[in-house]
PDB file of N, CA and C in Angstrom:
ATOM      1  N   MET A   1      51.693 124.894  46.009  1.00  0.00           N
ATOM      2  CA  MET A   1      51.136 123.280  45.678  1.00  0.00           C
ATOM      3  C   MET A   1      52.869 122.519  47.403  1.00  0.00           C
ATOM      4  N   THR A   2      52.198 122.156  47.992  1.00  0.00           N
ATOM      5  CA  THR A   2      52.715 122.042  49.635  1.00  0.00           C
ATOM      6  C   THR A   2      53.872 120.702  49.354  1.00  0.00           C
ATOM      7  N   GLY A   3      55.732 121.114  49.468  1.00  0.00           N
ATOM      8  CA  GLY A   3      56.502 119.854  49.785  1.00  0.00           C
ATOM      9  C   GLY A   3      57.670 120.634  50.560  1.00  0.00           C
ATOM     10  N   ILE A   4      58.554 119.565  50.069  1.00  0.00           N
ATOM     11  CA  ILE A   4      59.508 119.679  51.582  1.00  0.00           C
ATOM     12  C   ILE A   4      60.434 120.919  50.505  1.00  0.00           C
ATOM     13  N   MET A   5      60.561 121.777  51.324  1.00  0.00           N
ATOM     14  CA  MET A   5      61.341 123.307  51.359  1.00  0.00           C
ATOM     15  C   MET A   5      63.532 123.017  50.608  1.00  0.00           C
ATOM     16  N   THR A   6      63.984 124.100  50.031  1.00  0.00           N
ATOM     17  CA  THR A   6      64.801 123.874  50.153  1.00  0.00           C
ATOM     18  C   THR A   6      65.268 124.704  50.053  1.00  0.00           C
ATOM     19  N   GLY A   7      66.845 125.436  51.006  1.00  0.00           N
ATOM     20  CA  GLY A   7      67.583 126.018  51.101  1.00  0.00           C
ATOM     21  C   GLY A   7      68.148 127.017  49.562  1.00  0.00           C
ATOM     22  N   GLU A   8      68.904 128.028  49.843  1.00  0.00           N
ATOM     23  CA  GLU A   8      69.103 128.579  48.154  1.00  0.00           C
ATOM     24  C   GLU A   8      70.778 128.139  47.642  1.00  0.00           C
ATOM     25  N   ASP A   9      70.626 127.536  49.133  1.00  0.00           N
ATOM     26  CA  ASP A   9      71.623 126.544  48.094  1.00  0.00           C
ATOM     27  C   ASP A   9      71.826 125.069  47.055  1.00  0.00           C
ATOM     28  N   GLY A  10      69.711 124.208  47.495  1.00  0.00           N
ATOM     29  CA  GLY A  10      69.052 123.500  47.583  1.00  0.00           C
ATOM     30  C   GLY A  10      69.313 122.302  48.593  1.00  0.00           C
ATOM     31  N   GLU A  11      69.754 123.076  49.865  1.00  0.00           N
ATOM     32  CA  GLU A  11      69.927 121.225  50.710  1.00  0.00           C
ATOM     33  C   GLU A  11      68.677 121.908  51.518  1.00  0.00           C
ATOM     34  N   LEU A  12      68.375 120.823  51.726  1.00  0.00           N
ATOM     35  CA  LEU A  12      67.515 120.874  52.396  1.00  0.00           C
ATOM     36  C   LEU A  12      66.345 121.309  53.448  1.00  0.00           C
ATOM     37  N   LEU A  13      65.298 121.700  54.421  1.00  0.00           N
ATOM     38  CA  LEU A  13      65.380 122.513  55.107  1.00  0.00           C
ATOM     39  C   LEU A  13      64.148 122.563  56.656  1.00  0.00           C
ATOM     40  N   VAL A  14      65.818 122.093  57.610  1.00  0.00           N
ATOM     41  CA  VAL A  14      65.167 121.623  58.757  1.00  0.00           C
ATOM     42  C   VAL A  14      64.887 121.956  59.870  1.00  0.00           C
ATOM     43  N   GLU A  15      64.113 122.020  60.448  1.00  0.00           N
ATOM     44  CA  GLU A  15      63.513 122.752  61.686  1.00  0.00           C
ATOM     45  C   GLU A  15      63.224 122.141  62.528  1.00  0.00           C
ATOM     46  N   GLY A  16      63.762 121.904  63.940  1.00  0.00           N
ATOM     47  CA  GLY A  16      64.107 121.244  65.306  1.00  0.00           C
ATOM     48  C   GLY A  16      63.458 120.558  64.742  1.00  0.00           C
ATOM     49  N   GLY A  17      64.005 119.931  63.882  1.00  0.00           N
ATOM     50  CA  GLY A  17      64.850 118.441  64.091  1.00  0.00           C
ATOM     51  C   GLY A  17      63.664 117.497  62.961  1.00  0.00           C
ATOM     52  N   THR A  18      62.736 118.141  62.352  1.00  0.00           N
ATOM     53  CA  THR A  18      62.415 117.957  60.980  1.00  0.00           C
ATOM     54  C   THR A  18      62.223 117.851  59.810  1.00  0.00           C
ATOM     55  N   LEU A  19      62.273 117.440  58.486  1.00  0.00           N
ATOM     56  CA  LEU A  19      62.406 118.248  56.905  1.00  0.00           C
ATOM     57  C   LEU A  19      60.778 119.586  57.246  1.00  0.00           C
ATOM     58  N   LYS A  20      61.449 121.387  56.613  1.00  0.00           N
ATOM     59  CA  LYS A  20      60.098 122.143  56.457  1.00  0.00           C
ATOM     60  C   LYS A  20      59.522 122.142  55.453  1.00  0.00           C
ATOM     61  N   ILE A  21      58.557 122.194  56.032  1.00  0.00           N
ATOM     62  CA  ILE A  21      57.142 121.923  54.421  1.00  0.00           C
ATOM     63  C   ILE A  21      56.673 123.172  54.119  1.00  0.00           C
ATOM     64  N   GLY A  22      56.430 123.615  53.581  1.00  0.00           N
ATOM     65  CA  GLY A  22      55.637 124.652  52.242  1.00  0.00           C
ATOM     66  C   GLY A  22      55.120 124.517  50.995  1.00  0.00           C
ATOM     67  N   ASP A  23      55.731 125.610  50.849  1.00  0.00           N
ATOM     68  CA  ASP A  23      54.794 126.397  50.175  1.00  0.00           C
ATOM     69  C   ASP A  23      55.918 125.427  48.839  1.00  0.00           C
ATOM     70  N   THR A  24      55.956 125.063  47.515  1.00  0.00           N
ATOM     71  CA  THR A  24      57.607 124.297  46.748  1.00  0.00           C
ATOM     72  C   THR A  24      56.869 125.152  46.207  1.00  0.00           C
ATOM     73  N   THR A  25      55.809 126.240  44.925  1.00  0.00           N
ATOM     74  CA  THR A  25      55.402 126.885  43.786  1.00  0.00           C
ATOM     75  C   THR A  25      57.262 126.921  43.443  1.00  0.00           C
ATOM     76  N   GLY A  26      57.658 128.190  43.987  1.00  0.00           N
ATOM     77  CA  GLY A  26      58.752 128.365  43.897  1.00  0.00           C
ATOM     78  C   GLY A  26      59.824 128.410  43.411  1.00  0.00           C
ATOM     79  N   GLN A  27      60.064 127.625  44.125  1.00  0.00           N
ATOM     80  CA  GLN A  27      61.890 126.489  43.799  1.00  0.00           C
ATOM     81  C   GLN A  27      61.161 125.701  42.760  1.00  0.00           C
ATOM     82  N   THR A  28      60.356 125.353  43.285  1.00  0.00           N
ATOM     83  CA  THR A  28      59.406 124.016  41.669  1.00  0.00           C
ATOM     84  C   THR A  28      60.146 125.032  40.077  1.00  0.00           C
ATOM     85  N   VAL A  29      59.787 126.156  39.458  1.00  0.00           N
ATOM     86  CA  VAL A  29      59.686 126.958  38.583  1.00  0.00           C
ATOM     87  C   VAL A  29      61.222 127.026  38.630  1.00  0.00           C
ATOM     88  N   GLU A  30      61.746 127.046  39.640  1.00  0.00           N
ATOM     89  CA  GLU A  30      63.643 127.805  39.538  1.00  0.00           C
ATOM     90  C   GLU A  30      64.139 126.196  39.034  1.00  0.00           C
ATOM     91  N   ALA A  31      63.207 125.907  38.560  1.00  0.00           N
ATOM     92  CA  ALA A  31      63.923 124.206  39.287  1.00  0.00           C
ATOM     93  C   ALA A  31      63.892 123.961  37.661  1.00  0.00           C
ATOM     94  N   VAL A  32      62.994 124.212  37.197  1.00  0.00           N
ATOM     95  CA  VAL A  32      62.438 123.759  35.669  1.00  0.00           C
ATOM     96  C   VAL A  32      63.602 125.068  35.363  1.00  0.00           C
ATOM     97  N   LEU A  33      63.750 125.530  34.961  1.00  0.00           N
ATOM     98  CA  LEU A  33      64.193 127.506  34.491  1.00  0.00           C
ATOM     99  C   LEU A  33      65.510 126.812  34.290  1.00  0.00           C
ATOM    100  N   LEU A  34      66.568 126.245  35.251  1.00  0.00           N
ATOM    101  CA  LEU A  34      68.017 125.671  35.157  1.00  0.00           C
ATOM    102  C   LEU A  34      68.138 124.655  35.239  1.00  0.00           C
ATOM    103  N   THR A  35      67.379 123.574  35.265  1.00  0.00           N
ATOM    104  CA  THR A  35      68.191 122.082  34.211  1.00  0.00           C
ATOM    105  C   THR A  35      68.036 122.341  33.366  1.00  0.00           C
ATOM    106  N   MET A  36      69.297 121.657  33.054  1.00  0.00           N
ATOM    107  CA  MET A  36      69.382 120.813  31.702  1.00  0.00           C
ATOM    108  C   MET A  36      68.757 120.612  30.997  1.00  0.00           C
ATOM    109  N   ARG A  37      67.876 119.567  30.108  1.00  0.00           N
ATOM    110  CA  ARG A  37      67.362 118.362  29.948  1.00  0.00           C
ATOM    111  C   ARG A  37      68.418 116.747  29.909  1.00  0.00           C
ATOM    112  N   GLY A  38      67.873 115.827  30.763  1.00  0.00           N
ATOM    113  CA  GLY A  38      68.280 114.818  30.523  1.00  0.00           C
ATOM    114  C   GLY A  38      69.377 114.869  32.663  1.00  0.00           C
ATOM    115  N   GLU A  39      69.147 116.363  33.013  1.00  0.00           N
ATOM    116  CA  GLU A  39      69.237 116.063  34.443  1.00  0.00           C
ATOM    117  C   GLU A  39      68.364 115.683  35.123  1.00  0.00           C
ATOM    118  N   TRP A  40      66.458 115.842  35.081  1.00  0.00           N
ATOM    119  CA  TRP A  40      66.225 114.507  36.087  1.00  0.00           C
ATOM    120  C   TRP A  40      65.754 113.161  35.197  1.00  0.00           C
ATOM    121  N   LYS A  41      67.179 112.422  35.425  1.00  0.00           N
ATOM    122  CA  LYS A  41      66.655 111.119  34.604  1.00  0.00           C
ATOM    123  C   LYS A  41      64.951 110.160  34.551  1.00  0.00           C
ATOM    124  N   GLU A  42      63.716 110.136  35.712  1.00  0.00           N
ATOM    125  CA  GLU A  42      63.110 110.525  35.460  1.00  0.00           C
ATOM    126  C   GLU A  42      62.349 110.941  34.506  1.00  0.00           C
ATOM    127  N   PHE A  43      62.672 111.751  33.824  1.00  0.00           N
ATOM    128  CA  PHE A  43      61.476 112.827  32.837  1.00  0.00           C
ATOM    129  C   PHE A  43      63.117 113.164  31.925  1.00  0.00           C
ATOM    130  N   PRO A  44      64.043 112.569  31.440  1.00  0.00           N
ATOM    131  CA  PRO A  44      64.839 113.138  30.695  1.00  0.00           C
ATOM    132  C   PRO A  44      63.757 114.742  29.848  1.00  0.00           C
ATOM    133  N   LEU A  45      63.160 114.448  29.205  1.00  0.00           N
ATOM    134  CA  LEU A  45      63.315 115.543  28.810  1.00  0.00           C
ATOM    135  C   LEU A  45      62.389 117.316  28.846  1.00  0.00           C
ATOM    136  N   LEU A  46      61.997 117.213  30.985  1.00  0.00           N
ATOM    137  CA  LEU A  46      62.227 118.087  31.326  1.00  0.00           C
ATOM    138  C   LEU A  46      63.713 119.163  31.271  1.00  0.00           C
ATOM    139  N   GLY A  47      63.009 119.782  31.413  1.00  0.00           N
ATOM    140  CA  GLY A  47      64.369 121.112  31.485  1.00  0.00           C
ATOM    141  C   GLY A  47      64.691 122.110  31.081  1.00  0.00           C
ATOM    142  N   GLY A  48      64.209 124.117  31.504  1.00  0.00           N
ATOM    143  CA  GLY A  48      64.089 125.086  30.656  1.00  0.00           C
ATOM    144  C   GLY A  48      65.385 125.042  30.543  1.00  0.00           C
ATOM    145  N   GLU A  49      66.468 125.260  31.256  1.00  0.00           N
ATOM    146  CA  GLU A  49      67.961 125.250  29.734  1.00  0.00           C
ATOM    147  C   GLU A  49      67.793 126.493  29.415  1.00  0.00           C
ATOM    148  N   ALA A  50      67.283 127.475  31.086  1.00  0.00           N
ATOM    149  CA  ALA A  50      67.736 129.233  30.747  1.00  0.00           C
ATOM    150  C   ALA A  50      68.692 129.870  30.512  1.00  0.00           C
ATOM    151  N   ALA A  51      70.139 129.101  31.512  1.00  0.00           N
ATOM    152  CA  ALA A  51      71.740 129.701  30.414  1.00  0.00           C
ATOM    153  C   ALA A  51      71.430 129.914  29.505  1.00  0.00           C
ATOM    154  N   ARG A  52      70.789 129.114  28.107  1.00  0.00           N
ATOM    155  CA  ARG A  52      71.081 128.920  27.069  1.00  0.00           C
ATOM    156  C   ARG A  52      70.817 130.536  26.133  1.00  0.00           C
ATOM    157  N   GLN A  53      69.628 130.663  27.180  1.00  0.00           N
ATOM    158  CA  GLN A  53      68.923 132.034  26.543  1.00  0.00           C
ATOM    159  C   GLN A  53      69.367 133.378  26.629  1.00  0.00           C
ATOM    160  N   LEU A  54      70.651 133.036  27.249  1.00  0.00           N
ATOM    161  CA  LEU A  54      71.870 133.789  27.872  1.00  0.00           C
ATOM    162  C   LEU A  54      72.105 134.767  26.918  1.00  0.00           C
ATOM    163  N   GLY A  55      72.393 135.754  26.460  1.00  0.00           N
ATOM    164  CA  GLY A  55      73.353 136.255  25.147  1.00  0.00           C
ATOM    165  C   GLY A  55      72.905 136.081  23.526  1.00  0.00           C
ATOM    166  N   GLY A  56      73.159 136.718  23.119  1.00  0.00           N
ATOM    167  CA  GLY A  56      72.475 136.828  21.471  1.00  0.00           C
ATOM    168  C   GLY A  56      70.305 136.647  21.706  1.00  0.00           C
ATOM    169  N   SER A  57      70.700 136.146  19.812  1.00  0.00           N
ATOM    170  CA  SER A  57      68.485 136.439  20.664  1.00  0.00           C
ATOM    171  C   SER A  57      67.805 135.045  21.381  1.00  0.00           C
ATOM    172  N   PRO A  58      67.345 135.079  22.083  1.00  0.00           N
ATOM    173  CA  PRO A  58      66.407 133.956  22.701  1.00  0.00           C
ATOM    174  C   PRO A  58      65.417 133.343  21.915  1.00  0.00           C
ATOM    175  N   ASP A  59      65.873 131.682  22.357  1.00  0.00           N
ATOM    176  CA  ASP A  59      64.413 131.794  20.630  1.00  0.00           C
ATOM    177  C   ASP A  59      63.146 131.910  21.123  1.00  0.00           C
ATOM    178  N   VAL A  60      62.410 131.928  20.159  1.00  0.00           N
ATOM    179  CA  VAL A  60      60.803 132.101  20.431  1.00  0.00           C
ATOM    180  C   VAL A  60      60.829 131.149  20.909  1.00  0.00           C
ATOM    181  N   MET A  61      60.509 129.794  20.204  1.00  0.00           N
ATOM    182  CA  MET A  61      59.534 128.821  20.916  1.00  0.00           C
ATOM    183  C   MET A  61      60.071 128.365  22.688  1.00  0.00           C
ATOM    184  N   TRP A  62      61.246 128.864  23.266  1.00  0.00           N
ATOM    185  CA  TRP A  62      61.445 128.709  24.685  1.00  0.00           C
ATOM    186  C   TRP A  62      60.213 128.954  24.862  1.00  0.00           C
ATOM    187  N   PRO A  63      59.954 129.837  25.264  1.00  0.00           N
ATOM    188  CA  PRO A  63      58.985 130.392  26.427  1.00  0.00           C
ATOM    189  C   PRO A  63      57.191 130.153  26.565  1.00  0.00           C
ATOM    190  N   GLY A  64      56.921 129.218  25.003  1.00  0.00           N
ATOM    191  CA  GLY A  64      55.688 128.381  25.506  1.00  0.00           C
ATOM    192  C   GLY A  64      56.491 126.833  25.850  1.00  0.00           C
ATOM    193  N   GLU A  65      57.034 126.320  25.772  1.00  0.00           N
ATOM    194  CA  GLU A  65      57.896 124.821  25.981  1.00  0.00           C
ATOM    195  C   GLU A  65      58.000 125.610  27.492  1.00  0.00           C
ATOM    196  N   VAL A  66      58.814 126.125  27.758  1.00  0.00           N
ATOM    197  CA  VAL A  66      59.298 125.789  30.047  1.00  0.00           C
ATOM    198  C   VAL A  66      57.889 126.484  29.445  1.00  0.00           C
ATOM    199  N   ARG A  67      57.177 126.775  29.770  1.00  0.00           N
ATOM    200  CA  ARG A  67      54.746 126.754  30.477  1.00  0.00           C
ATOM    201  C   ARG A  67      54.750 125.363  30.306  1.00  0.00           C
ATOM    202  N   GLU A  68      54.656 124.830  29.493  1.00  0.00           N
ATOM    203  CA  GLU A  68      54.099 123.219  28.809  1.00  0.00           C
ATOM    204  C   GLU A  68      54.659 122.779  29.638  1.00  0.00           C
ATOM    205  N   MET A  69      56.073 122.662  30.398  1.00  0.00           N
ATOM    206  CA  MET A  69      57.579 121.952  31.394  1.00  0.00           C
ATOM    207  C   MET A  69      56.182 122.476  32.239  1.00  0.00           C
ATOM    208  N   LEU A  70      56.240 123.839  33.147  1.00  0.00           N
ATOM    209  CA  LEU A  70      55.837 123.992  34.422  1.00  0.00           C
ATOM    210  C   LEU A  70      54.116 123.481  34.435  1.00  0.00           C
ATOM    211  N   VAL A  71      53.668 123.411  33.209  1.00  0.00           N
ATOM    212  CA  VAL A  71      52.080 123.021  34.098  1.00  0.00           C
ATOM    213  C   VAL A  71      52.139 121.369  33.821  1.00  0.00           C
ATOM    214  N   ALA A  72      52.708 120.449  33.296  1.00  0.00           N
ATOM    215  CA  ALA A  72      52.820 119.343  33.845  1.00  0.00           C
ATOM    216  C   ALA A  72      54.168 119.198  34.893  1.00  0.00           C
ATOM    217  N   CYS A  73      54.327 119.747  35.422  1.00  0.00           N
ATOM    218  CA  CYS A  73      55.110 119.314  37.171  1.00  0.00           C
ATOM    219  C   CYS A  73      53.914 120.599  37.877  1.00  0.00           C
ATOM    220  N   GLY A  74      53.017 121.351  37.433  1.00  0.00           N
ATOM    221  CA  GLY A  74      52.355 121.289  38.656  1.00  0.00           C
ATOM    222  C   GLY A  74      51.949 122.590  38.371  1.00  0.00           C
ATOM    223  N   ILE A  75      52.097 123.277  38.206  1.00  0.00           N
ATOM    224  CA  ILE A  75      52.430 124.979  38.109  1.00  0.00           C
ATOM    225  C   ILE A  75      51.330 125.481  37.073  1.00  0.00           C
ATOM    226  N   GLN A  76      49.728 127.016  37.745  1.00  0.00           N
ATOM    227  CA  GLN A  76      49.529 127.194  36.985  1.00  0.00           C
ATOM    228  C   GLN A  76      50.135 128.121  36.379  1.00  0.00           C
ATOM    229  N   ALA A  77      50.992 128.235  35.684  1.00  0.00           N
ATOM    230  CA  ALA A  77      51.604 129.441  34.739  1.00  0.00           C
ATOM    231  C   ALA A  77      50.702 128.977  33.195  1.00  0.00           C
ATOM    232  N   ARG A  78      50.001 130.128  32.983  1.00  0.00           N
ATOM    233  CA  ARG A  78      49.868 131.313  32.186  1.00  0.00           C
ATOM    234  C   ARG A  78      50.638 131.474  31.463  1.00  0.00           C
ATOM    235  N   ARG A  79      51.593 132.036  30.885  1.00  0.00           N
ATOM    236  CA  ARG A  79      52.257 132.741  30.573  1.00  0.00           C
ATOM    237  C   ARG A  79      53.386 132.933  30.737  1.00  0.00           C
ATOM    238  N   VAL A  80      54.787 133.064  30.276  1.00  0.00           N
ATOM    239  CA  VAL A  80      56.765 132.978  30.461  1.00  0.00           C
ATOM    240  C   VAL A  80      57.423 134.172  29.089  1.00  0.00           C
ATOM    241  N   LYS A  81      57.639 135.068  30.175  1.00  0.00           N
ATOM    242  CA  LYS A  81      57.803 135.961  28.795  1.00  0.00           C
ATOM    243  C   LYS A  81      59.568 136.018  29.681  1.00  0.00           C
ATOM    244  N   ILE A  82      60.757 136.541  28.443  1.00  0.00           N
ATOM    245  CA  ILE A  82      61.919 137.250  28.577  1.00  0.00           C
ATOM    246  C   ILE A  82      61.387 138.541  27.635  1.00  0.00           C
ATOM    247  N   GLU A  83      62.207 139.561  29.001  1.00  0.00           N
ATOM    248  CA  GLU A  83      62.179 141.084  28.346  1.00  0.00           C
ATOM    249  C   GLU A  83      63.319 141.154  29.001  1.00  0.00           C
ATOM    250  N   ASP A  84      64.213 142.061  28.189  1.00  0.00           N
ATOM    251  CA  ASP A  84      65.631 142.019  28.817  1.00  0.00           C
ATOM    252  C   ASP A  84      66.369 141.180  29.778  1.00  0.00           C
ATOM    253  N   ASN A  85      66.707 140.413  29.658  1.00  0.00           N
ATOM    254  CA  ASN A  85      67.157 138.850  30.074  1.00  0.00           C
ATOM    255  C   ASN A  85      66.463 138.857  31.553  1.00  0.00           C
ATOM    256  N   VAL A  86      65.449 139.428  31.258  1.00  0.00           N
ATOM    257  CA  VAL A  86      64.785 138.788  32.632  1.00  0.00           C
ATOM    258  C   VAL A  86      63.998 137.481  32.860  1.00  0.00           C
ATOM    259  N   ILE A  87      63.542 136.749  33.212  1.00  0.00           N
ATOM    260  CA  ILE A  87      62.931 135.750  32.770  1.00  0.00           C
ATOM    261  C   ILE A  87      60.939 136.110  34.139  1.00  0.00           C
ATOM    262  N   THR A  88      59.387 135.697  33.635  1.00  0.00           N
ATOM    263  CA  THR A  88      59.043 136.314  34.618  1.00  0.00           C
ATOM    264  C   THR A  88      57.780 134.738  33.662  1.00  0.00           C
ATOM    265  N   VAL A  89      57.544 134.755  35.261  1.00  0.00           N
ATOM    266  CA  VAL A  89      56.156 133.954  35.089  1.00  0.00           C
ATOM    267  C   VAL A  89      55.110 133.947  34.561  1.00  0.00           C
ATOM    268  N   GLU A  90      53.926 133.396  35.077  1.00  0.00           N
ATOM    269  CA  GLU A  90      53.110 134.142  35.193  1.00  0.00           C
ATOM    270  C   GLU A  90      51.408 133.117  36.086  1.00  0.00           C
TER     271      GLU A  90
END
């Protein structure tokens, strides 16, 4: 997926006076995982809410719901899993 790149801090990357264009798959996955529902005003049900999975026992339905969100964003995710507080998207 090609688009406008952002840095680690979420700011737009600029090179040579223009916006940097590149593969945005990783930053899209990160945005979906970390945002809370309602943060994307045009898509209020989009948001993986990964912070809510920390501590306690994780929701068993969460990986499937996040996978569906990623597919809706154009990411070809076959599987999402949580092991030892590490999220893996395949």
